[in-house]
Amino acid sequence: MTRRRRRLTRGQKLAVATAIALALAGASGGAAKTVTEPSSVSGNVALGQQLAKPYGWGSGSEWSCLDNLWDRESGWSNTAENASDAYGIAQALGHGPTNQYPAGPANPPVSSARAQIRWGLGYIKSVYGDPCTAWGHEEADGWY
């Protein structure tokens, strides 16, 4: 898949910073539970559904939109990369000056499915409000 390189506006940069803060704090604002990282795409999907629940996106149409979005973007693979320097489940622009995923010992790339999903959920919340709006943008423009 080929994606156009896009420059982030000031508002989008703020949204990315907010998404990182949400990812680091967790959707509930508290400490995250210690859970083993999934080792498969199906494990990533299950983790995504679990982490989407606090947002109200773990079932119904919002879950369907999120599942469709990340299935198209990465096939739910935490090691997916594309030619536009985006990688991971949520296909963050992670190399170079945008470096959207939170810093970690393996950044770039951050291979943690949990970190990628948490970041992606925060990004969707702060930029689009919900997965169905993000999916609509993806369908219309080929990226979100």
C-alpha atoms as a PDB file:
ATOM      1  CA  MET A   1       0.000   0.000   0.000  1.00  0.00           C
ATOM      2  CA  THR A   2       1.290   3.461  -0.832  1.00  0.00           C
ATOM      3  CA  ARG A   3       0.511   6.436   1.335  1.00  0.00           C
ATOM      4  CA  ARG A   4       1.134  10.079   0.665  1.00  0.00           C
ATOM      5  CA  ARG A   5       3.506  11.765   3.047  1.00  0.00           C
ATOM      6  CA  ARG A   6       1.623  14.387   4.990  1.00  0.00           C
ATOM      7  CA  ARG A   7       2.767  17.238   7.153  1.00  0.00           C
ATOM      8  CA  LEU A   8       1.040  17.661  10.457  1.00  0.00           C
ATOM      9  CA  THR A   9      -0.637  20.940  11.277  1.00  0.00           C
ATOM     10  CA  ARG A  10      -0.125  22.540  14.669  1.00  0.00           C
ATOM     11  CA  GLY A  11      -3.495  21.163  15.798  1.00  0.00           C
ATOM     12  CA  GLN A  12      -2.588  17.674  14.610  1.00  0.00           C
ATOM     13  CA  LYS A  13       0.731  17.856  16.456  1.00  0.00           C
ATOM     14  CA  LEU A  14      -1.201  18.745  19.615  1.00  0.00           C
ATOM     15  CA  ALA A  15      -3.538  15.810  18.940  1.00  0.00           C
ATOM     16  CA  VAL A  16      -0.548  13.491  18.577  1.00  0.00           C
ATOM     17  CA  ALA A  17       0.887  14.754  21.867  1.00  0.00           C
ATOM     18  CA  THR A  18      -2.498  14.181  23.506  1.00  0.00           C
ATOM     19  CA  ALA A  19      -2.658  10.665  22.040  1.00  0.00           C
ATOM     20  CA  ILE A  20       0.776   9.902  23.456  1.00  0.00           C
ATOM     21  CA  ALA A  21      -0.272  11.172  26.874  1.00  0.00           C
ATOM     22  CA  LEU A  22      -3.419   9.026  26.739  1.00  0.00           C
ATOM     23  CA  ALA A  23      -1.393   6.014  25.677  1.00  0.00           C
ATOM     24  CA  LEU A  24       1.053   6.475  28.507  1.00  0.00           C
ATOM     25  CA  ALA A  25      -1.690   7.021  31.105  1.00  0.00           C
ATOM     26  CA  GLY A  26      -4.157   4.456  29.750  1.00  0.00           C
ATOM     27  CA  ALA A  27      -7.714   5.196  28.660  1.00  0.00           C
ATOM     28  CA  SER A  28      -8.945   5.206  32.257  1.00  0.00           C
ATOM     29  CA  GLY A  29      -6.245   7.629  33.381  1.00  0.00           C
ATOM     30  CA  GLY A  30      -4.806   5.075  35.787  1.00  0.00           C
ATOM     31  CA  ALA A  31      -1.997   2.620  35.780  1.00  0.00           C
ATOM     32  CA  ALA A  32      -2.158  -0.132  33.212  1.00  0.00           C
ATOM     33  CA  LYS A  33      -2.507  -3.769  34.246  1.00  0.00           C
ATOM     34  CA  THR A  34       0.450  -6.010  33.585  1.00  0.00           C
ATOM     35  CA  VAL A  35      -0.503  -8.285  30.713  1.00  0.00           C
ATOM     36  CA  THR A  36       1.609 -10.427  28.430  1.00  0.00           C
ATOM     37  CA  GLU A  37       2.081  -9.071  24.906  1.00  0.00           C
ATOM     38  CA  PRO A  38       0.181 -11.000  22.242  1.00  0.00           C
ATOM     39  CA  SER A  39       2.271 -13.008  19.816  1.00  0.00           C
ATOM     40  CA  SER A  40      -0.179 -13.213  16.916  1.00  0.00           C
ATOM     41  CA  VAL A  41      -2.497 -11.090  14.802  1.00  0.00           C
ATOM     42  CA  SER A  42      -5.523 -12.683  16.495  1.00  0.00           C
ATOM     43  CA  GLY A  43      -3.968 -11.802  19.860  1.00  0.00           C
ATOM     44  CA  ASN A  44      -3.491  -8.205  18.679  1.00  0.00           C
ATOM     45  CA  VAL A  45      -7.155  -8.037  17.636  1.00  0.00           C
ATOM     46  CA  ALA A  46      -8.298  -9.408  21.012  1.00  0.00           C
ATOM     47  CA  LEU A  47      -6.066  -6.918  22.828  1.00  0.00           C
ATOM     48  CA  GLY A  48      -7.384  -4.115  20.627  1.00  0.00           C
ATOM     49  CA  GLN A  49     -10.961  -4.987  21.478  1.00  0.00           C
ATOM     50  CA  GLN A  50     -10.104  -5.110  25.189  1.00  0.00           C
ATOM     51  CA  LEU A  51      -8.309  -1.747  25.116  1.00  0.00           C
ATOM     52  CA  ALA A  52     -11.121  -0.147  23.063  1.00  0.00           C
ATOM     53  CA  LYS A  53     -13.763  -0.999  25.695  1.00  0.00           C
ATOM     54  CA  PRO A  54     -13.027   1.953  28.021  1.00  0.00           C
ATOM     55  CA  TYR A  55     -13.590   4.265  25.042  1.00  0.00           C
ATOM     56  CA  GLY A  56     -16.960   2.614  24.362  1.00  0.00           C
ATOM     57  CA  TRP A  57     -15.575   1.146  21.126  1.00  0.00           C
ATOM     58  CA  GLY A  58     -15.177  -2.514  22.104  1.00  0.00           C
ATOM     59  CA  SER A  59     -18.350  -3.692  20.359  1.00  0.00           C
ATOM     60  CA  GLY A  60     -20.969  -2.673  17.829  1.00  0.00           C
ATOM     61  CA  SER A  61     -20.405  -0.307  14.936  1.00  0.00           C
ATOM     62  CA  GLU A  62     -17.425   1.520  16.477  1.00  0.00           C
ATOM     63  CA  TRP A  63     -15.581  -1.785  16.938  1.00  0.00           C
ATOM     64  CA  SER A  64     -16.433  -2.793  13.374  1.00  0.00           C
ATOM     65  CA  CYS A  65     -15.040   0.500  12.070  1.00  0.00           C
ATOM     66  CA  LEU A  66     -11.858   0.169  14.155  1.00  0.00           C
ATOM     67  CA  ASP A  67     -11.389  -3.442  13.081  1.00  0.00           C
ATOM     68  CA  ASN A  68     -11.890  -2.506   9.410  1.00  0.00           C
ATOM     69  CA  LEU A  69      -9.531   0.467   9.731  1.00  0.00           C
ATOM     70  CA  TRP A  70      -6.614  -1.382  11.271  1.00  0.00           C
ATOM     71  CA  ASP A  71      -7.198  -4.482   9.193  1.00  0.00           C
ATOM     72  CA  ARG A  72      -6.773  -2.336   6.065  1.00  0.00           C
ATOM     73  CA  GLU A  73      -3.891  -0.299   7.451  1.00  0.00           C
ATOM     74  CA  SER A  74      -1.758  -3.112   8.855  1.00  0.00           C
ATOM     75  CA  GLY A  75      -3.663  -6.385   8.998  1.00  0.00           C
ATOM     76  CA  TRP A  76      -3.336  -5.878  12.780  1.00  0.00           C
ATOM     77  CA  SER A  77       0.395  -6.623  12.499  1.00  0.00           C
ATOM     78  CA  ASN A  78       2.578  -4.801  14.997  1.00  0.00           C
ATOM     79  CA  THR A  79       5.508  -5.156  12.580  1.00  0.00           C
ATOM     80  CA  ALA A  80       3.739  -3.816   9.456  1.00  0.00           C
ATOM     81  CA  GLU A  81       5.608  -1.075   7.587  1.00  0.00           C
ATOM     82  CA  ASN A  82       4.894   0.875   4.422  1.00  0.00           C
ATOM     83  CA  ALA A  83       6.830   3.020   1.979  1.00  0.00           C
ATOM     84  CA  SER A  84       5.673   6.251   3.643  1.00  0.00           C
ATOM     85  CA  ASP A  85       7.579   5.389   6.828  1.00  0.00           C
ATOM     86  CA  ALA A  86       4.449   4.423   8.758  1.00  0.00           C
ATOM     87  CA  TYR A  87       4.511   1.265  10.798  1.00  0.00           C
ATOM     88  CA  GLY A  88       2.684  -0.861  13.309  1.00  0.00           C
ATOM     89  CA  ILE A  89      -0.967  -1.639  13.883  1.00  0.00           C
ATOM     90  CA  ALA A  90      -2.166   1.968  13.710  1.00  0.00           C
ATOM     91  CA  GLN A  91       0.385   2.868  10.999  1.00  0.00           C
ATOM     92  CA  ALA A  92       1.855   5.833  12.847  1.00  0.00           C
ATOM     93  CA  LEU A  93       4.459   7.926  11.113  1.00  0.00           C
ATOM     94  CA  GLY A  94       7.179   6.661  13.367  1.00  0.00           C
ATOM     95  CA  HIS A  95      10.496   7.427  11.798  1.00  0.00           C
ATOM     96  CA  GLY A  96      11.901  10.899  11.407  1.00  0.00           C
ATOM     97  CA  PRO A  97      10.580  14.122  12.915  1.00  0.00           C
ATOM     98  CA  THR A  98       6.988  13.009  13.626  1.00  0.00           C
ATOM     99  CA  ASN A  99       7.909   9.887  15.629  1.00  0.00           C
ATOM    100  CA  GLN A 100       4.339   9.423  16.841  1.00  0.00           C
ATOM    101  CA  TYR A 101       4.650   6.261  18.928  1.00  0.00           C
ATOM    102  CA  PRO A 102       5.834   6.801  22.502  1.00  0.00           C
ATOM    103  CA  ALA A 103       9.547   6.477  23.055  1.00  0.00           C
ATOM    104  CA  GLY A 104      10.760   3.098  24.150  1.00  0.00           C
ATOM    105  CA  PRO A 105      13.860   0.959  24.134  1.00  0.00           C
ATOM    106  CA  ALA A 106      13.113  -0.288  20.614  1.00  0.00           C
ATOM    107  CA  ASN A 107      11.948   3.000  19.094  1.00  0.00           C
ATOM    108  CA  PRO A 108      12.042   2.987  16.118  1.00  0.00           C
ATOM    109  CA  PRO A 109      10.260   0.752  15.681  1.00  0.00           C
ATOM    110  CA  VAL A 110       8.215   0.242  18.805  1.00  0.00           C
ATOM    111  CA  SER A 111       7.088  -3.352  18.400  1.00  0.00           C
ATOM    112  CA  SER A 112       4.764  -3.434  21.412  1.00  0.00           C
ATOM    113  CA  ALA A 113       1.242  -4.152  20.189  1.00  0.00           C
ATOM    114  CA  ARG A 114      -0.083  -2.684  23.439  1.00  0.00           C
ATOM    115  CA  ALA A 115       1.786   0.621  22.956  1.00  0.00           C
ATOM    116  CA  GLN A 116       0.695   0.825  19.310  1.00  0.00           C
ATOM    117  CA  ILE A 117      -2.963   0.114  20.087  1.00  0.00           C
ATOM    118  CA  ARG A 118      -3.076   2.513  23.023  1.00  0.00           C
ATOM    119  CA  TRP A 119      -1.462   5.228  20.931  1.00  0.00           C
ATOM    120  CA  GLY A 120      -3.805   4.535  18.007  1.00  0.00           C
ATOM    121  CA  LEU A 121      -6.918   4.715  20.182  1.00  0.00           C
ATOM    122  CA  GLY A 122      -5.771   8.023  21.669  1.00  0.00           C
ATOM    123  CA  TYR A 123      -4.944   9.353  18.214  1.00  0.00           C
ATOM    124  CA  ILE A 124      -8.373   8.424  16.857  1.00  0.00           C
ATOM    125  CA  LYS A 125     -10.103   9.945  19.897  1.00  0.00           C
ATOM    126  CA  SER A 126      -8.186  13.213  19.702  1.00  0.00           C
ATOM    127  CA  VAL A 127      -8.198  13.666  15.902  1.00  0.00           C
ATOM    128  CA  TYR A 128     -11.481  12.081  14.755  1.00  0.00           C
ATOM    129  CA  GLY A 129     -13.526  11.532  17.916  1.00  0.00           C
ATOM    130  CA  ASP A 130     -14.388   7.917  17.097  1.00  0.00           C
ATOM    131  CA  PRO A 131     -13.352   5.023  14.847  1.00  0.00           C
ATOM    132  CA  CYS A 132     -16.251   5.379  12.397  1.00  0.00           C
ATOM    133  CA  THR A 133     -15.253   8.961  11.596  1.00  0.00           C
ATOM    134  CA  ALA A 134     -11.633   7.809  11.147  1.00  0.00           C
ATOM    135  CA  TRP A 135     -12.827   4.931   8.929  1.00  0.00           C
ATOM    136  CA  GLY A 136     -14.865   7.369   6.842  1.00  0.00           C
ATOM    137  CA  HIS A 137     -11.735   9.472   6.299  1.00  0.00           C
ATOM    138  CA  GLU A 138      -9.754   6.335   5.431  1.00  0.00           C
ATOM    139  CA  GLU A 139     -12.334   5.305   2.839  1.00  0.00           C
ATOM    140  CA  ALA A 140     -12.548   8.796   1.336  1.00  0.00           C
ATOM    141  CA  ASP A 141      -8.846   9.697   1.330  1.00  0.00           C
ATOM    142  CA  GLY A 142      -6.944   6.436   1.689  1.00  0.00           C
ATOM    143  CA  TRP A 143      -5.402   7.420   5.032  1.00  0.00           C
ATOM    144  CA  TYR A 144      -6.485   8.605   8.456  1.00  0.00           C
END
